[in-house]
């Protein structure tokens, strides 16, 4: 069973920055981050494949940067210029073949 261990998150003021990290227990084909707020569906934030292809939600383009360290099976999400609407639980996601795995989630709150 693949395990995803997330770190980072917390409370930050608008305009601030946070960095999320996620470590997988084995190599994955692709990793990424999703987020969810109460009463809404989980939405894609950003993904990256092992060969470096990235995909971002329009709402975070230019502010968030996803990166991966294949040697460590980790994915990082650098979040800059954070806005209150970025407040959500952020979930690490990993794909291996047709299987999808989720982390436990980490809270990001953007508030003054």
PDB file of N, CA and C in Angstrom:
ATOM      1  N   UNK A   1       0.830  -1.177   0.000  1.00  0.00           N
ATOM      2  CA  UNK A   1       0.000   0.000   0.000  1.00  0.00           C
ATOM      3  C   UNK A   1       0.882   1.251   0.000  1.00  0.00           C
ATOM      4  N   UNK A   2       0.617   2.138  -0.925  1.00  0.00           N
ATOM      5  CA  UNK A   2       1.381   3.377  -1.011  1.00  0.00           C
ATOM      6  C   UNK A   2       0.941   4.334   0.080  1.00  0.00           C
ATOM      7  N   UNK A   3       1.902   4.981   0.712  1.00  0.00           N
ATOM      8  CA  UNK A   3       1.607   5.987   1.721  1.00  0.00           C
ATOM      9  C   UNK A   3       2.120   7.336   1.244  1.00  0.00           C
ATOM     10  N   UNK A   4       1.323   8.367   1.481  1.00  0.00           N
ATOM     11  CA  UNK A   4       1.688   9.741   1.159  1.00  0.00           C
ATOM     12  C   UNK A   4       1.715  10.540   2.453  1.00  0.00           C
ATOM     13  N   UNK A   5       2.851  11.150   2.740  1.00  0.00           N
ATOM     14  CA  UNK A   5       2.999  11.919   3.970  1.00  0.00           C
ATOM     15  C   UNK A   5       3.168  13.382   3.601  1.00  0.00           C
ATOM     16  N   UNK A   6       2.223  14.198   4.049  1.00  0.00           N
ATOM     17  CA  UNK A   6       2.215  15.618   3.716  1.00  0.00           C
ATOM     18  C   UNK A   6       2.822  16.434   4.848  1.00  0.00           C
ATOM     19  N   UNK A   7       3.377  17.574   4.500  1.00  0.00           N
ATOM     20  CA  UNK A   7       3.862  18.523   5.489  1.00  0.00           C
ATOM     21  C   UNK A   7       3.686  19.932   4.924  1.00  0.00           C
ATOM     22  N   UNK A   8       3.715  20.892   5.834  1.00  0.00           N
ATOM     23  CA  UNK A   8       3.489  22.277   5.436  1.00  0.00           C
ATOM     24  C   UNK A   8       2.069  22.685   5.756  1.00  0.00           C
ATOM     25  N   UNK A   9       1.632  23.765   5.189  1.00  0.00           N
ATOM     26  CA  UNK A   9       0.310  24.285   5.477  1.00  0.00           C
ATOM     27  C   UNK A   9       0.334  25.158   6.721  1.00  0.00           C
ATOM     28  N   UNK A  10      -0.830  25.690   7.069  1.00  0.00           N
ATOM     29  CA  UNK A  10      -0.936  26.542   8.231  1.00  0.00           C
ATOM     30  C   UNK A  10      -1.678  27.826   7.917  1.00  0.00           C
ATOM     31  N   UNK A  11      -1.445  28.820   8.754  1.00  0.00           N
ATOM     32  CA  UNK A  11      -2.121  30.112   8.633  1.00  0.00           C
ATOM     33  C   UNK A  11      -1.148  31.146   8.076  1.00  0.00           C
ATOM     34  N   UNK A  12      -1.601  31.908   7.102  1.00  0.00           N
ATOM     35  CA  UNK A  12      -0.761  32.936   6.498  1.00  0.00           C
ATOM     36  C   UNK A  12      -1.635  34.125   6.129  1.00  0.00           C
ATOM     37  N   UNK A  13      -1.053  35.300   6.133  1.00  0.00           N
ATOM     38  CA  UNK A  13      -1.794  36.504   5.759  1.00  0.00           C
ATOM     39  C   UNK A  13      -1.895  36.605   4.237  1.00  0.00           C
ATOM     40  N   UNK A  14      -2.901  37.292   3.751  1.00  0.00           N
ATOM     41  CA  UNK A  14      -3.006  37.512   2.304  1.00  0.00           C
ATOM     42  C   UNK A  14      -1.722  38.122   1.748  1.00  0.00           C
ATOM     43  N   UNK A  15      -1.295  37.607   0.594  1.00  0.00           N
ATOM     44  CA  UNK A  15      -0.045  38.050  -0.003  1.00  0.00           C
ATOM     45  C   UNK A  15       1.162  37.255   0.443  1.00  0.00           C
ATOM     46  N   UNK A  16       0.980  36.421   1.428  1.00  0.00           N
ATOM     47  CA  UNK A  16       2.079  35.631   1.953  1.00  0.00           C
ATOM     48  C   UNK A  16       2.347  34.366   1.153  1.00  0.00           C
ATOM     49  N   UNK A  17       3.279  33.562   1.665  1.00  0.00           N
ATOM     50  CA  UNK A  17       3.690  32.347   0.974  1.00  0.00           C
ATOM     51  C   UNK A  17       3.676  31.157   1.927  1.00  0.00           C
ATOM     52  N   UNK A  18       3.455  30.003   1.347  1.00  0.00           N
ATOM     53  CA  UNK A  18       3.553  28.736   2.058  1.00  0.00           C
ATOM     54  C   UNK A  18       4.116  27.692   1.102  1.00  0.00           C
ATOM     55  N   UNK A  19       4.694  26.660   1.687  1.00  0.00           N
ATOM     56  CA  UNK A  19       5.226  25.552   0.884  1.00  0.00           C
ATOM     57  C   UNK A  19       4.680  24.243   1.435  1.00  0.00           C
ATOM     58  N   UNK A  20       4.081  23.460   0.548  1.00  0.00           N
ATOM     59  CA  UNK A  20       3.592  22.134   0.901  1.00  0.00           C
ATOM     60  C   UNK A  20       4.535  21.083   0.317  1.00  0.00           C
ATOM     61  N   UNK A  21       4.730  20.016   1.062  1.00  0.00           N
ATOM     62  CA  UNK A  21       5.535  18.906   0.581  1.00  0.00           C
ATOM     63  C   UNK A  21       4.798  17.600   0.814  1.00  0.00           C
ATOM     64  N   UNK A  22       5.069  16.649  -0.053  1.00  0.00           N
ATOM     65  CA  UNK A  22       4.439  15.333   0.061  1.00  0.00           C
ATOM     66  C   UNK A  22       5.464  14.288  -0.342  1.00  0.00           C
ATOM     67  N   UNK A  23       5.658  13.308   0.515  1.00  0.00           N
ATOM     68  CA  UNK A  23       6.596  12.226   0.243  1.00  0.00           C
ATOM     69  C   UNK A  23       5.835  10.931   0.059  1.00  0.00           C
ATOM     70  N   UNK A  24       6.106  10.247  -1.049  1.00  0.00           N
ATOM     71  CA  UNK A  24       5.488   8.955  -1.317  1.00  0.00           C
ATOM     72  C   UNK A  24       6.426   7.833  -0.880  1.00  0.00           C
ATOM     73  N   UNK A  25       5.834   6.708  -0.489  1.00  0.00           N
ATOM     74  CA  UNK A  25       6.636   5.587   0.000  1.00  0.00           C
ATOM     75  C   UNK A  25       7.306   4.819  -1.131  1.00  0.00           C
ATOM     76  N   UNK A  26       6.920   5.110  -2.385  1.00  0.00           N
ATOM     77  CA  UNK A  26       7.567   4.494  -3.538  1.00  0.00           C
ATOM     78  C   UNK A  26       7.399   5.414  -4.746  1.00  0.00           C
ATOM     79  N   UNK A  27       8.085   5.069  -5.826  1.00  0.00           N
ATOM     80  CA  UNK A  27       8.041   5.915  -7.021  1.00  0.00           C
ATOM     81  C   UNK A  27       6.656   5.912  -7.654  1.00  0.00           C
ATOM     82  N   UNK A  28       6.252   7.079  -8.112  1.00  0.00           N
ATOM     83  CA  UNK A  28       4.950   7.265  -8.738  1.00  0.00           C
ATOM     84  C   UNK A  28       5.109   7.730 -10.177  1.00  0.00           C
ATOM     85  N   UNK A  29       4.051   7.590 -10.979  1.00  0.00           N
ATOM     86  CA  UNK A  29       4.060   8.077 -12.354  1.00  0.00           C
ATOM     87  C   UNK A  29       3.802   9.579 -12.414  1.00  0.00           C
ATOM     88  N   UNK A  30       3.010  10.056 -11.488  1.00  0.00           N
ATOM     89  CA  UNK A  30       2.690  11.485 -11.433  1.00  0.00           C
ATOM     90  C   UNK A  30       2.222  11.811 -10.021  1.00  0.00           C
ATOM     91  N   UNK A  31       2.437  13.046  -9.622  1.00  0.00           N
ATOM     92  CA  UNK A  31       1.968  13.499  -8.313  1.00  0.00           C
ATOM     93  C   UNK A  31       1.386  14.895  -8.459  1.00  0.00           C
ATOM     94  N   UNK A  32       0.624  15.280  -7.473  1.00  0.00           N
ATOM     95  CA  UNK A  32       0.033  16.607  -7.554  1.00  0.00           C
ATOM     96  C   UNK A  32      -0.693  16.972  -6.288  1.00  0.00           C
ATOM     97  N   UNK A  33      -1.377  18.100  -6.385  1.00  0.00           N
ATOM     98  CA  UNK A  33      -2.147  18.623  -5.260  1.00  0.00           C
ATOM     99  C   UNK A  33      -3.552  18.992  -5.711  1.00  0.00           C
ATOM    100  N   UNK A  34      -4.503  18.669  -4.869  1.00  0.00           N
ATOM    101  CA  UNK A  34      -5.890  19.069  -5.028  1.00  0.00           C
ATOM    102  C   UNK A  34      -6.284  19.811  -3.759  1.00  0.00           C
ATOM    103  N   UNK A  35      -7.418  20.512  -3.826  1.00  0.00           N
ATOM    104  CA  UNK A  35      -7.899  21.190  -2.625  1.00  0.00           C
ATOM    105  C   UNK A  35      -9.413  21.114  -2.566  1.00  0.00           C
ATOM    106  N   UNK A  36      -9.908  21.259  -1.347  1.00  0.00           N
ATOM    107  CA  UNK A  36     -11.349  21.135  -1.141  1.00  0.00           C
ATOM    108  C   UNK A  36     -11.790  22.059  -0.023  1.00  0.00           C
ATOM    109  N   UNK A  37     -12.918  22.713  -0.255  1.00  0.00           N
ATOM    110  CA  UNK A  37     -13.559  23.514   0.783  1.00  0.00           C
ATOM    111  C   UNK A  37     -14.901  22.874   1.088  1.00  0.00           C
ATOM    112  N   UNK A  38     -15.464  23.149   2.250  1.00  0.00           N
ATOM    113  CA  UNK A  38     -16.739  22.518   2.631  1.00  0.00           C
ATOM    114  C   UNK A  38     -17.829  22.744   1.583  1.00  0.00           C
ATOM    115  N   UNK A  39     -18.551  21.686   1.325  1.00  0.00           N
ATOM    116  CA  UNK A  39     -19.712  21.702   0.434  1.00  0.00           C
ATOM    117  C   UNK A  39     -19.352  21.913  -1.027  1.00  0.00           C
ATOM    118  N   UNK A  40     -18.075  21.749  -1.354  1.00  0.00           N
ATOM    119  CA  UNK A  40     -17.660  21.825  -2.751  1.00  0.00           C
ATOM    120  C   UNK A  40     -16.838  20.608  -3.115  1.00  0.00           C
ATOM    121  N   UNK A  41     -16.770  20.310  -4.402  1.00  0.00           N
ATOM    122  CA  UNK A  41     -15.994  19.174  -4.844  1.00  0.00           C
ATOM    123  C   UNK A  41     -14.497  19.484  -4.765  1.00  0.00           C
ATOM    124  N   UNK A  42     -13.747  18.412  -4.612  1.00  0.00           N
ATOM    125  CA  UNK A  42     -12.303  18.550  -4.619  1.00  0.00           C
ATOM    126  C   UNK A  42     -11.858  18.993  -6.007  1.00  0.00           C
ATOM    127  N   UNK A  43     -10.931  19.959  -6.063  1.00  0.00           N
ATOM    128  CA  UNK A  43     -10.506  20.488  -7.354  1.00  0.00           C
ATOM    129  C   UNK A  43      -8.994  20.397  -7.510  1.00  0.00           C
ATOM    130  N   UNK A  44      -8.583  20.262  -8.761  1.00  0.00           N
ATOM    131  CA  UNK A  44      -7.171  20.182  -9.071  1.00  0.00           C
ATOM    132  C   UNK A  44      -6.505  21.526  -8.827  1.00  0.00           C
ATOM    133  N   UNK A  45      -5.310  21.475  -8.239  1.00  0.00           N
ATOM    134  CA  UNK A  45      -4.484  22.670  -8.078  1.00  0.00           C
ATOM    135  C   UNK A  45      -3.322  22.615  -9.073  1.00  0.00           C
ATOM    136  N   UNK A  46      -2.554  21.539  -9.001  1.00  0.00           N
ATOM    137  CA  UNK A  46      -1.413  21.396  -9.902  1.00  0.00           C
ATOM    138  C   UNK A  46      -0.955  19.949  -9.893  1.00  0.00           C
ATOM    139  N   UNK A  47      -0.430  19.504 -11.032  1.00  0.00           N
ATOM    140  CA  UNK A  47       0.131  18.164 -11.127  1.00  0.00           C
ATOM    141  C   UNK A  47       1.462  18.219 -11.875  1.00  0.00           C
ATOM    142  N   UNK A  48       2.266  17.192 -11.653  1.00  0.00           N
ATOM    143  CA  UNK A  48       3.545  17.080 -12.345  1.00  0.00           C
ATOM    144  C   UNK A  48       3.846  15.614 -12.589  1.00  0.00           C
ATOM    145  N   UNK A  49       4.348  15.304 -13.778  1.00  0.00           N
ATOM    146  CA  UNK A  49       4.739  13.930 -14.086  1.00  0.00           C
ATOM    147  C   UNK A  49       6.230  13.754 -13.814  1.00  0.00           C
ATOM    148  N   UNK A  50       6.682  12.514 -13.837  1.00  0.00           N
ATOM    149  CA  UNK A  50       8.094  12.254 -13.556  1.00  0.00           C
ATOM    150  C   UNK A  50       9.010  12.836 -14.618  1.00  0.00           C
ATOM    151  N   UNK A  51       8.474  13.097 -15.820  1.00  0.00           N
ATOM    152  CA  UNK A  51       9.310  13.725 -16.850  1.00  0.00           C
ATOM    153  C   UNK A  51       9.141  15.241 -16.878  1.00  0.00           C
ATOM    154  N   UNK A  52       8.502  15.780 -15.828  1.00  0.00           N
ATOM    155  CA  UNK A  52       8.470  17.224 -15.645  1.00  0.00           C
ATOM    156  C   UNK A  52       7.315  17.980 -16.255  1.00  0.00           C
ATOM    157  N   UNK A  53       6.361  17.285 -16.854  1.00  0.00           N
ATOM    158  CA  UNK A  53       5.210  17.994 -17.404  1.00  0.00           C
ATOM    159  C   UNK A  53       4.304  18.459 -16.275  1.00  0.00           C
ATOM    160  N   UNK A  54       3.921  19.732 -16.332  1.00  0.00           N
ATOM    161  CA  UNK A  54       3.089  20.313 -15.276  1.00  0.00           C
ATOM    162  C   UNK A  54       1.747  20.765 -15.817  1.00  0.00           C
ATOM    163  N   UNK A  55       0.804  20.845 -14.891  1.00  0.00           N
ATOM    164  CA  UNK A  55      -0.532  21.324 -15.217  1.00  0.00           C
ATOM    165  C   UNK A  55      -1.039  22.102 -14.017  1.00  0.00           C
ATOM    166  N   UNK A  56      -1.595  23.289 -14.262  1.00  0.00           N
ATOM    167  CA  UNK A  56      -2.067  24.145 -13.175  1.00  0.00           C
ATOM    168  C   UNK A  56      -3.510  24.557 -13.405  1.00  0.00           C
ATOM    169  N   UNK A  57      -4.230  24.717 -12.317  1.00  0.00           N
ATOM    170  CA  UNK A  57      -5.540  25.343 -12.397  1.00  0.00           C
ATOM    171  C   UNK A  57      -5.346  26.810 -12.787  1.00  0.00           C
ATOM    172  N   UNK A  58      -6.263  27.343 -13.549  1.00  0.00           N
ATOM    173  CA  UNK A  58      -6.146  28.737 -13.980  1.00  0.00           C
ATOM    174  C   UNK A  58      -6.042  29.686 -12.793  1.00  0.00           C
ATOM    175  N   UNK A  59      -6.717  29.347 -11.720  1.00  0.00           N
ATOM    176  CA  UNK A  59      -6.769  30.228 -10.561  1.00  0.00           C
ATOM    177  C   UNK A  59      -5.435  30.373  -9.835  1.00  0.00           C
ATOM    178  N   UNK A  60      -4.499  29.466 -10.099  1.00  0.00           N
ATOM    179  CA  UNK A  60      -3.212  29.516  -9.384  1.00  0.00           C
ATOM    180  C   UNK A  60      -2.033  29.770 -10.310  1.00  0.00           C
ATOM    181  N   UNK A  61      -2.259  29.821 -11.610  1.00  0.00           N
ATOM    182  CA  UNK A  61      -1.172  30.056 -12.556  1.00  0.00           C
ATOM    183  C   UNK A  61      -0.477  31.377 -12.256  1.00  0.00           C
ATOM    184  N   UNK A  62       0.840  31.329 -12.253  1.00  0.00           N
ATOM    185  CA  UNK A  62       1.615  32.525 -11.974  1.00  0.00           C
ATOM    186  C   UNK A  62       1.869  32.764 -10.500  1.00  0.00           C
ATOM    187  N   UNK A  63       1.173  32.024  -9.651  1.00  0.00           N
ATOM    188  CA  UNK A  63       1.354  32.197  -8.196  1.00  0.00           C
ATOM    189  C   UNK A  63       1.909  30.938  -7.537  1.00  0.00           C
ATOM    190  N   UNK A  64       1.496  29.787  -8.022  1.00  0.00           N
ATOM    191  CA  UNK A  64       1.936  28.518  -7.447  1.00  0.00           C
ATOM    192  C   UNK A  64       2.918  27.832  -8.391  1.00  0.00           C
ATOM    193  N   UNK A  65       3.865  27.124  -7.801  1.00  0.00           N
ATOM    194  CA  UNK A  65       4.822  26.361  -8.591  1.00  0.00           C
ATOM    195  C   UNK A  65       4.934  24.957  -8.004  1.00  0.00           C
ATOM    196  N   UNK A  66       4.745  23.963  -8.858  1.00  0.00           N
ATOM    197  CA  UNK A  66       4.874  22.577  -8.426  1.00  0.00           C
ATOM    198  C   UNK A  66       6.204  22.033  -8.923  1.00  0.00           C
ATOM    199  N   UNK A  67       6.831  21.234  -8.084  1.00  0.00           N
ATOM    200  CA  UNK A  67       8.099  20.625  -8.457  1.00  0.00           C
ATOM    201  C   UNK A  67       8.184  19.238  -7.853  1.00  0.00           C
ATOM    202  N   UNK A  68       9.043  18.434  -8.418  1.00  0.00           N
ATOM    203  CA  UNK A  68       9.178  17.071  -7.933  1.00  0.00           C
ATOM    204  C   UNK A  68      10.638  16.702  -7.797  1.00  0.00           C
ATOM    205  N   UNK A  69      10.927  15.867  -6.832  1.00  0.00           N
ATOM    206  CA  UNK A  69      12.247  15.300  -6.641  1.00  0.00           C
ATOM    207  C   UNK A  69      12.081  13.795  -6.812  1.00  0.00           C
ATOM    208  N   UNK A  70      12.357  13.313  -8.001  1.00  0.00           N
ATOM    209  CA  UNK A  70      12.101  11.902  -8.289  1.00  0.00           C
ATOM    210  C   UNK A  70      12.951  10.971  -7.420  1.00  0.00           C
ATOM    211  N   UNK A  71      14.147  11.422  -7.082  1.00  0.00           N
ATOM    212  CA  UNK A  71      15.018  10.571  -6.268  1.00  0.00           C
ATOM    213  C   UNK A  71      14.435  10.352  -4.874  1.00  0.00           C
ATOM    214  N   UNK A  72      13.661  11.323  -4.404  1.00  0.00           N
ATOM    215  CA  UNK A  72      13.086  11.232  -3.063  1.00  0.00           C
ATOM    216  C   UNK A  72      11.592  10.939  -3.098  1.00  0.00           C
ATOM    217  N   UNK A  73      11.034  10.764  -4.298  1.00  0.00           N
ATOM    218  CA  UNK A  73       9.594  10.500  -4.440  1.00  0.00           C
ATOM    219  C   UNK A  73       8.764  11.570  -3.753  1.00  0.00           C
ATOM    220  N   UNK A  74       9.166  12.820  -3.926  1.00  0.00           N
ATOM    221  CA  UNK A  74       8.455  13.909  -3.284  1.00  0.00           C
ATOM    222  C   UNK A  74       7.935  14.918  -4.310  1.00  0.00           C
ATOM    223  N   UNK A  75       6.893  15.608  -3.904  1.00  0.00           N
ATOM    224  CA  UNK A  75       6.349  16.705  -4.695  1.00  0.00           C
ATOM    225  C   UNK A  75       6.166  17.896  -3.771  1.00  0.00           C
ATOM    226  N   UNK A  76       6.524  19.048  -4.277  1.00  0.00           N
ATOM    227  CA  UNK A  76       6.414  20.274  -3.502  1.00  0.00           C
ATOM    228  C   UNK A  76       5.502  21.262  -4.216  1.00  0.00           C
ATOM    229  N   UNK A  77       4.827  22.065  -3.443  1.00  0.00           N
ATOM    230  CA  UNK A  77       3.975  23.109  -4.001  1.00  0.00           C
ATOM    231  C   UNK A  77       4.342  24.419  -3.310  1.00  0.00           C
ATOM    232  N   UNK A  78       4.987  25.301  -4.045  1.00  0.00           N
ATOM    233  CA  UNK A  78       5.314  26.624  -3.524  1.00  0.00           C
ATOM    234  C   UNK A  78       4.160  27.547  -3.864  1.00  0.00           C
ATOM    235  N   UNK A  79       3.559  28.114  -2.832  1.00  0.00           N
ATOM    236  CA  UNK A  79       2.390  28.964  -3.017  1.00  0.00           C
ATOM    237  C   UNK A  79       2.740  30.385  -2.619  1.00  0.00           C
ATOM    238  N   UNK A  80       2.721  31.289  -3.578  1.00  0.00           N
ATOM    239  CA  UNK A  80       3.019  32.699  -3.347  1.00  0.00           C
ATOM    240  C   UNK A  80       1.784  33.543  -3.615  1.00  0.00           C
ATOM    241  N   UNK A  81       1.839  34.772  -3.134  1.00  0.00           N
ATOM    242  CA  UNK A  81       0.729  35.718  -3.336  1.00  0.00           C
ATOM    243  C   UNK A  81      -0.609  35.090  -2.978  1.00  0.00           C
ATOM    244  N   UNK A  82      -0.638  34.469  -1.831  1.00  0.00           N
ATOM    245  CA  UNK A  82      -1.843  33.741  -1.417  1.00  0.00           C
ATOM    246  C   UNK A  82      -3.015  34.683  -1.191  1.00  0.00           C
ATOM    247  N   UNK A  83      -4.192  34.184  -1.516  1.00  0.00           N
ATOM    248  CA  UNK A  83      -5.433  34.946  -1.393  1.00  0.00           C
ATOM    249  C   UNK A  83      -6.371  34.215  -0.437  1.00  0.00           C
ATOM    250  N   UNK A  84      -7.314  34.919   0.154  1.00  0.00           N
ATOM    251  CA  UNK A  84      -8.280  34.247   1.043  1.00  0.00           C
ATOM    252  C   UNK A  84      -9.006  33.093   0.346  1.00  0.00           C
ATOM    253  N   UNK A  85      -9.252  33.212  -0.932  1.00  0.00           N
ATOM    254  CA  UNK A  85      -9.946  32.141  -1.648  1.00  0.00           C
ATOM    255  C   UNK A  85      -9.081  30.910  -1.866  1.00  0.00           C
ATOM    256  N   UNK A  86      -7.811  30.971  -1.506  1.00  0.00           N
ATOM    257  CA  UNK A  86      -6.965  29.781  -1.535  1.00  0.00           C
ATOM    258  C   UNK A  86      -7.147  28.928  -0.281  1.00  0.00           C
ATOM    259  N   UNK A  87      -7.882  29.443   0.676  1.00  0.00           N
ATOM    260  CA  UNK A  87      -8.141  28.694   1.904  1.00  0.00           C
ATOM    261  C   UNK A  87      -8.874  27.394   1.586  1.00  0.00           C
ATOM    262  N   UNK A  88      -8.306  26.283   2.045  1.00  0.00           N
ATOM    263  CA  UNK A  88      -8.880  24.966   1.757  1.00  0.00           C
ATOM    264  C   UNK A  88      -8.042  23.900   2.450  1.00  0.00           C
ATOM    265  N   UNK A  89      -8.541  22.687   2.421  1.00  0.00           N
ATOM    266  CA  UNK A  89      -7.719  21.536   2.776  1.00  0.00           C
ATOM    267  C   UNK A  89      -7.041  21.063   1.491  1.00  0.00           C
ATOM    268  N   UNK A  90      -5.747  20.967   1.534  1.00  0.00           N
ATOM    269  CA  UNK A  90      -4.962  20.563   0.369  1.00  0.00           C
ATOM    270  C   UNK A  90      -4.570  19.096   0.510  1.00  0.00           C
ATOM    271  N   UNK A  91      -4.818  18.336  -0.546  1.00  0.00           N
ATOM    272  CA  UNK A  91      -4.550  16.906  -0.549  1.00  0.00           C
ATOM    273  C   UNK A  91      -3.477  16.560  -1.578  1.00  0.00           C
ATOM    274  N   UNK A  92      -2.507  15.802  -1.134  1.00  0.00           N
ATOM    275  CA  UNK A  92      -1.525  15.251  -2.055  1.00  0.00           C
ATOM    276  C   UNK A  92      -2.156  14.085  -2.806  1.00  0.00           C
ATOM    277  N   UNK A  93      -1.812  13.977  -4.077  1.00  0.00           N
ATOM    278  CA  UNK A  93      -2.356  12.925  -4.923  1.00  0.00           C
ATOM    279  C   UNK A  93      -1.222  12.280  -5.714  1.00  0.00           C
ATOM    280  N   UNK A  94      -1.302  10.977  -5.896  1.00  0.00           N
ATOM    281  CA  UNK A  94      -0.278  10.279  -6.661  1.00  0.00           C
ATOM    282  C   UNK A  94      -0.921   9.230  -7.547  1.00  0.00           C
ATOM    283  N   UNK A  95      -0.363   9.071  -8.726  1.00  0.00           N
ATOM    284  CA  UNK A  95      -0.839   8.070  -9.681  1.00  0.00           C
ATOM    285  C   UNK A  95       0.248   7.054  -9.960  1.00  0.00           C
ATOM    286  N   UNK A  96      -0.159   5.775  -9.955  1.00  0.00           N
ATOM    287  CA  UNK A  96       0.726   4.698 -10.325  1.00  0.00           C
ATOM    288  C   UNK A  96      -0.067   3.758 -11.215  1.00  0.00           C
ATOM    289  N   UNK A  97       0.201   3.820 -12.506  1.00  0.00           N
ATOM    290  CA  UNK A  97      -0.632   3.080 -13.434  1.00  0.00           C
ATOM    291  C   UNK A  97      -2.053   3.614 -13.384  1.00  0.00           C
ATOM    292  N   UNK A  98      -2.998   2.746 -13.097  1.00  0.00           N
ATOM    293  CA  UNK A  98      -4.394   3.144 -13.004  1.00  0.00           C
ATOM    294  C   UNK A  98      -4.832   3.413 -11.571  1.00  0.00           C
ATOM    295  N   UNK A  99      -3.924   3.302 -10.643  1.00  0.00           N
ATOM    296  CA  UNK A  99      -4.268   3.486  -9.241  1.00  0.00           C
ATOM    297  C   UNK A  99      -3.982   4.910  -8.784  1.00  0.00           C
ATOM    298  N   UNK A 100      -4.906   5.425  -7.970  1.00  0.00           N
ATOM    299  CA  UNK A 100      -4.778   6.778  -7.442  1.00  0.00           C
ATOM    300  C   UNK A 100      -4.726   6.706  -5.933  1.00  0.00           C
ATOM    301  N   UNK A 101      -3.837   7.488  -5.354  1.00  0.00           N
ATOM    302  CA  UNK A 101      -3.658   7.499  -3.895  1.00  0.00           C
ATOM    303  C   UNK A 101      -3.785   8.932  -3.385  1.00  0.00           C
ATOM    304  N   UNK A 102      -4.254   9.043  -2.131  1.00  0.00           N
ATOM    305  CA  UNK A 102      -4.472  10.356  -1.523  1.00  0.00           C
ATOM    306  C   UNK A 102      -3.752  10.454  -0.183  1.00  0.00           C
ATOM    307  N   UNK A 103      -3.269  11.667   0.108  1.00  0.00           N
ATOM    308  CA  UNK A 103      -2.762  11.956   1.439  1.00  0.00           C
ATOM    309  C   UNK A 103      -3.908  12.274   2.370  1.00  0.00           C
ATOM    310  N   UNK A 104      -3.564  12.565   3.629  1.00  0.00           N
ATOM    311  CA  UNK A 104      -4.592  12.785   4.640  1.00  0.00           C
ATOM    312  C   UNK A 104      -5.136  14.209   4.601  1.00  0.00           C
ATOM    313  N   UNK A 105      -4.448  15.114   3.902  1.00  0.00           N
ATOM    314  CA  UNK A 105      -4.898  16.493   3.796  1.00  0.00           C
ATOM    315  C   UNK A 105      -4.214  17.394   4.813  1.00  0.00           C
ATOM    316  N   UNK A 106      -3.967  18.618   4.390  1.00  0.00           N
ATOM    317  CA  UNK A 106      -3.371  19.616   5.278  1.00  0.00           C
ATOM    318  C   UNK A 106      -4.097  20.944   5.068  1.00  0.00           C
ATOM    319  N   UNK A 107      -4.413  21.617   6.171  1.00  0.00           N
ATOM    320  CA  UNK A 107      -5.199  22.845   6.100  1.00  0.00           C
ATOM    321  C   UNK A 107      -4.317  24.027   5.742  1.00  0.00           C
ATOM    322  N   UNK A 108      -4.775  24.811   4.786  1.00  0.00           N
ATOM    323  CA  UNK A 108      -4.167  26.098   4.446  1.00  0.00           C
ATOM    324  C   UNK A 108      -5.224  27.166   4.668  1.00  0.00           C
ATOM    325  N   UNK A 109      -4.907  28.129   5.518  1.00  0.00           N
ATOM    326  CA  UNK A 109      -5.827  29.219   5.807  1.00  0.00           C
ATOM    327  C   UNK A 109      -5.144  30.542   5.504  1.00  0.00           C
ATOM    328  N   UNK A 110      -5.786  31.329   4.652  1.00  0.00           N
ATOM    329  CA  UNK A 110      -5.258  32.643   4.276  1.00  0.00           C
ATOM    330  C   UNK A 110      -6.199  33.688   4.848  1.00  0.00           C
ATOM    331  N   UNK A 111      -5.722  34.382   5.868  1.00  0.00           N
ATOM    332  CA  UNK A 111      -6.583  35.324   6.566  1.00  0.00           C
ATOM    333  C   UNK A 111      -5.735  36.354   7.293  1.00  0.00           C
ATOM    334  N   UNK A 112      -6.281  37.559   7.397  1.00  0.00           N
ATOM    335  CA  UNK A 112      -5.596  38.601   8.158  1.00  0.00           C
ATOM    336  C   UNK A 112      -6.112  38.621   9.592  1.00  0.00           C
TER     337      UNK A 112
END
